[in-house]
Amino acid sequence: MRPFPLKQVRLGWHDAGTYNKNIEEWPLRGGANGNLRFEIELKQTLSSQSSFSGLVNALKLLQPINDKYSGVTYADLFQLASATAMEEAGGSKFPMKYGRVDVSEPEQCPEEGRLPGK
C-alpha cells in the first residue's frame, strides 16, 4: 500500500474508532462523526500515536473537497476517503452509505483514550 492512501485509511479509522455501543447518547458514543478536524482531537491522536502524524496532511488534502461540496459532512468524507484508498491500493470495494452527522464543536469530541488498543 502506498504511504498516502494509508494515511487516508488511518483517517477513517481514527474518526470511527471511538464508537462505543454502550453509550446511547450522540455524540458521546463517538464513531464516525468528523471529530478529527478539531485541533484538540488531532493533538490527542498525534500525542498517543506518533506514527499517525500524517493525518494532518490527509486532512489538508480533503479540505478543498469539503469546501467545494459543503453539503458533504466531514464524517462521510473521511469514510469515503478511507474506502477509496483501500480500493485504490488493491483492496476490496466497500459499499458506502451516506448521511453521517458531524459534531459541531470540539467539546463534542469523545474523551481521550477511546481508541481500541490503548
C-alpha atoms as a PDB file:
ATOM      1  CA  MET A   1       0.000   0.000   0.000  1.00  0.00           C
ATOM      2  CA  ARG A   2       1.368   3.411  -0.926  1.00  0.00           C
ATOM      3  CA  PRO A   3       2.025   5.785   2.025  1.00  0.00           C
ATOM      4  CA  PHE A   4      -0.608   8.414   1.276  1.00  0.00           C
ATOM      5  CA  PRO A   5      -3.548   6.026   0.900  1.00  0.00           C
ATOM      6  CA  LEU A   6      -2.520   4.509   4.201  1.00  0.00           C
ATOM      7  CA  LYS A   7      -2.968   7.926   5.822  1.00  0.00           C
ATOM      8  CA  GLN A   8      -6.485   8.140   4.406  1.00  0.00           C
ATOM      9  CA  VAL A   9      -7.291   4.705   5.821  1.00  0.00           C
ATOM     10  CA  ARG A  10      -5.970   5.809   9.203  1.00  0.00           C
ATOM     11  CA  LEU A  11      -8.044   8.971   8.996  1.00  0.00           C
ATOM     12  CA  GLY A  12     -11.211   6.917   8.562  1.00  0.00           C
ATOM     13  CA  TRP A  13     -10.173   4.515  11.324  1.00  0.00           C
ATOM     14  CA  HIS A  14      -9.400   7.247  13.846  1.00  0.00           C
ATOM     15  CA  ASP A  15     -12.631   9.065  13.106  1.00  0.00           C
ATOM     16  CA  ALA A  16     -14.745   5.913  13.531  1.00  0.00           C
ATOM     17  CA  GLY A  17     -12.673   4.016  16.098  1.00  0.00           C
ATOM     18  CA  THR A  18     -14.029   5.807  19.160  1.00  0.00           C
ATOM     19  CA  TYR A  19     -17.504   4.290  18.771  1.00  0.00           C
ATOM     20  CA  ASN A  20     -18.910   2.808  21.984  1.00  0.00           C
ATOM     21  CA  LYS A  21     -22.124   0.813  21.545  1.00  0.00           C
ATOM     22  CA  ASN A  22     -22.812   1.028  25.294  1.00  0.00           C
ATOM     23  CA  ILE A  23     -23.302   4.803  25.151  1.00  0.00           C
ATOM     24  CA  GLU A  24     -26.661   5.714  23.671  1.00  0.00           C
ATOM     25  CA  GLU A  25     -26.397   9.496  23.502  1.00  0.00           C
ATOM     26  CA  TRP A  26     -24.919  11.074  20.387  1.00  0.00           C
ATOM     27  CA  PRO A  27     -22.283  12.469  20.103  1.00  0.00           C
ATOM     28  CA  LEU A  28     -20.956  10.978  23.342  1.00  0.00           C
ATOM     29  CA  ARG A  29     -20.926   7.479  21.837  1.00  0.00           C
ATOM     30  CA  GLY A  30     -18.255   8.549  19.326  1.00  0.00           C
ATOM     31  CA  GLY A  31     -17.875   6.909  15.961  1.00  0.00           C
ATOM     32  CA  ALA A  32     -17.521   8.424  12.508  1.00  0.00           C
ATOM     33  CA  ASN A  33     -18.555  11.983  13.294  1.00  0.00           C
ATOM     34  CA  GLY A  34     -15.891  14.192  11.690  1.00  0.00           C
ATOM     35  CA  ASN A  35     -14.200  14.956  15.012  1.00  0.00           C
ATOM     36  CA  LEU A  36     -10.658  14.747  13.645  1.00  0.00           C
ATOM     37  CA  ARG A  37     -10.948  18.176  12.065  1.00  0.00           C
ATOM     38  CA  PHE A  38     -10.685  19.769  15.507  1.00  0.00           C
ATOM     39  CA  GLU A  39      -7.255  20.606  16.872  1.00  0.00           C
ATOM     40  CA  ILE A  40      -7.891  19.048  20.282  1.00  0.00           C
ATOM     41  CA  GLU A  41      -8.751  15.696  18.701  1.00  0.00           C
ATOM     42  CA  LEU A  42      -5.711  15.802  16.421  1.00  0.00           C
ATOM     43  CA  LYS A  43      -3.432  16.618  19.350  1.00  0.00           C
ATOM     44  CA  GLN A  44      -4.799  13.669  21.344  1.00  0.00           C
ATOM     45  CA  THR A  45      -4.404  11.336  18.382  1.00  0.00           C
ATOM     46  CA  LEU A  46      -0.946  12.587  17.477  1.00  0.00           C
ATOM     47  CA  SER A  47       0.363  12.555  21.046  1.00  0.00           C
ATOM     48  CA  SER A  48      -0.711   8.964  21.584  1.00  0.00           C
ATOM     49  CA  GLN A  49       0.121   7.634  18.109  1.00  0.00           C
ATOM     50  CA  SER A  50       3.195   9.377  16.709  1.00  0.00           C
ATOM     51  CA  SER A  51       3.058   7.203  13.586  1.00  0.00           C
ATOM     52  CA  PHE A  52      -0.210   8.911  12.646  1.00  0.00           C
ATOM     53  CA  SER A  53       1.272  12.374  12.220  1.00  0.00           C
ATOM     54  CA  GLY A  54       0.411  12.175   8.504  1.00  0.00           C
ATOM     55  CA  LEU A  55      -3.234  12.692   9.388  1.00  0.00           C
ATOM     56  CA  VAL A  56      -2.743  16.451   9.155  1.00  0.00           C
ATOM     57  CA  ASN A  57      -1.654  16.083   5.526  1.00  0.00           C
ATOM     58  CA  ALA A  58      -4.613  13.803   4.796  1.00  0.00           C
ATOM     59  CA  LEU A  59      -6.953  16.437   6.256  1.00  0.00           C
ATOM     60  CA  LYS A  60      -5.331  19.169   4.149  1.00  0.00           C
ATOM     61  CA  LEU A  61      -5.936  17.123   1.017  1.00  0.00           C
ATOM     62  CA  LEU A  62      -9.624  16.694   1.823  1.00  0.00           C
ATOM     63  CA  GLN A  63     -10.316  20.301   2.855  1.00  0.00           C
ATOM     64  CA  PRO A  64     -10.745  21.656  -0.696  1.00  0.00           C
ATOM     65  CA  ILE A  65     -13.247  18.865  -1.411  1.00  0.00           C
ATOM     66  CA  ASN A  66     -15.248  19.801   1.664  1.00  0.00           C
ATOM     67  CA  ASP A  67     -15.045  23.481   0.725  1.00  0.00           C
ATOM     68  CA  LYS A  68     -16.404  22.743  -2.758  1.00  0.00           C
ATOM     69  CA  TYR A  69     -19.126  20.329  -1.613  1.00  0.00           C
ATOM     70  CA  SER A  70     -20.335  21.875   1.622  1.00  0.00           C
ATOM     71  CA  GLY A  71     -23.309  19.505   1.805  1.00  0.00           C
ATOM     72  CA  VAL A  72     -20.975  16.552   2.360  1.00  0.00           C
ATOM     73  CA  THR A  73     -20.127  16.014   6.014  1.00  0.00           C
ATOM     74  CA  TYR A  74     -16.568  15.516   7.186  1.00  0.00           C
ATOM     75  CA  ALA A  75     -17.664  12.184   8.664  1.00  0.00           C
ATOM     76  CA  ASP A  76     -18.823  10.932   5.251  1.00  0.00           C
ATOM     77  CA  LEU A  77     -15.789  12.414   3.513  1.00  0.00           C
ATOM     78  CA  PHE A  78     -13.321  10.741   5.903  1.00  0.00           C
ATOM     79  CA  GLN A  79     -15.006   7.350   5.461  1.00  0.00           C
ATOM     80  CA  LEU A  80     -15.220   7.741   1.684  1.00  0.00           C
ATOM     81  CA  ALA A  81     -11.525   8.684   1.511  1.00  0.00           C
ATOM     82  CA  SER A  82     -10.617   5.637   3.590  1.00  0.00           C
ATOM     83  CA  ALA A  83     -12.688   3.219   1.500  1.00  0.00           C
ATOM     84  CA  THR A  84     -11.395   4.724  -1.760  1.00  0.00           C
ATOM     85  CA  ALA A  85      -7.782   4.475  -0.573  1.00  0.00           C
ATOM     86  CA  MET A  86      -8.228   0.787   0.259  1.00  0.00           C
ATOM     87  CA  GLU A  87      -9.781   0.116  -3.123  1.00  0.00           C
ATOM     88  CA  GLU A  88      -7.064   2.082  -4.976  1.00  0.00           C
ATOM     89  CA  ALA A  89      -4.391   0.100  -3.143  1.00  0.00           C
ATOM     90  CA  GLY A  90      -5.848  -3.151  -4.466  1.00  0.00           C
ATOM     91  CA  GLY A  91      -8.233  -3.961  -1.647  1.00  0.00           C
ATOM     92  CA  SER A  92     -11.914  -4.708  -1.710  1.00  0.00           C
ATOM     93  CA  LYS A  93     -14.560  -2.241  -2.815  1.00  0.00           C
ATOM     94  CA  PHE A  94     -16.689  -1.208   0.149  1.00  0.00           C
ATOM     95  CA  PRO A  95     -20.350  -0.319  -0.275  1.00  0.00           C
ATOM     96  CA  MET A  96     -20.883   3.159   1.095  1.00  0.00           C
ATOM     97  CA  LYS A  97     -23.845   4.617   2.911  1.00  0.00           C
ATOM     98  CA  TYR A  98     -24.019   8.346   3.474  1.00  0.00           C
ATOM     99  CA  GLY A  99     -25.736  10.575   5.988  1.00  0.00           C
ATOM    100  CA  ARG A 100     -23.299  10.673   8.898  1.00  0.00           C
ATOM    101  CA  VAL A 101     -23.616  13.739  11.093  1.00  0.00           C
ATOM    102  CA  ASP A 102     -20.625  15.869  12.076  1.00  0.00           C
ATOM    103  CA  VAL A 103     -20.010  17.054  15.588  1.00  0.00           C
ATOM    104  CA  SER A 104     -20.222  20.840  15.530  1.00  0.00           C
ATOM    105  CA  GLU A 105     -17.666  21.820  18.171  1.00  0.00           C
ATOM    106  CA  PRO A 106     -14.559  20.404  19.866  1.00  0.00           C
ATOM    107  CA  GLU A 107     -16.426  19.870  23.132  1.00  0.00           C
ATOM    108  CA  GLN A 108     -18.424  17.118  21.412  1.00  0.00           C
ATOM    109  CA  CYS A 109     -15.330  15.016  20.678  1.00  0.00           C
ATOM    110  CA  PRO A 110     -15.034  11.727  22.604  1.00  0.00           C
ATOM    111  CA  GLU A 111     -12.753  11.736  25.617  1.00  0.00           C
ATOM    112  CA  GLU A 112      -9.141  10.717  25.122  1.00  0.00           C
ATOM    113  CA  GLY A 113      -8.341   7.021  25.331  1.00  0.00           C
ATOM    114  CA  ARG A 114     -11.350   5.611  23.470  1.00  0.00           C
ATOM    115  CA  LEU A 115      -9.481   4.044  20.561  1.00  0.00           C
ATOM    116  CA  PRO A 116      -9.098   0.265  20.961  1.00  0.00           C
ATOM    117  CA  GLY A 117      -5.643  -0.943  21.842  1.00  0.00           C
ATOM    118  CA  LYS A 118      -4.763   1.909  24.168  1.00  0.00           C
END
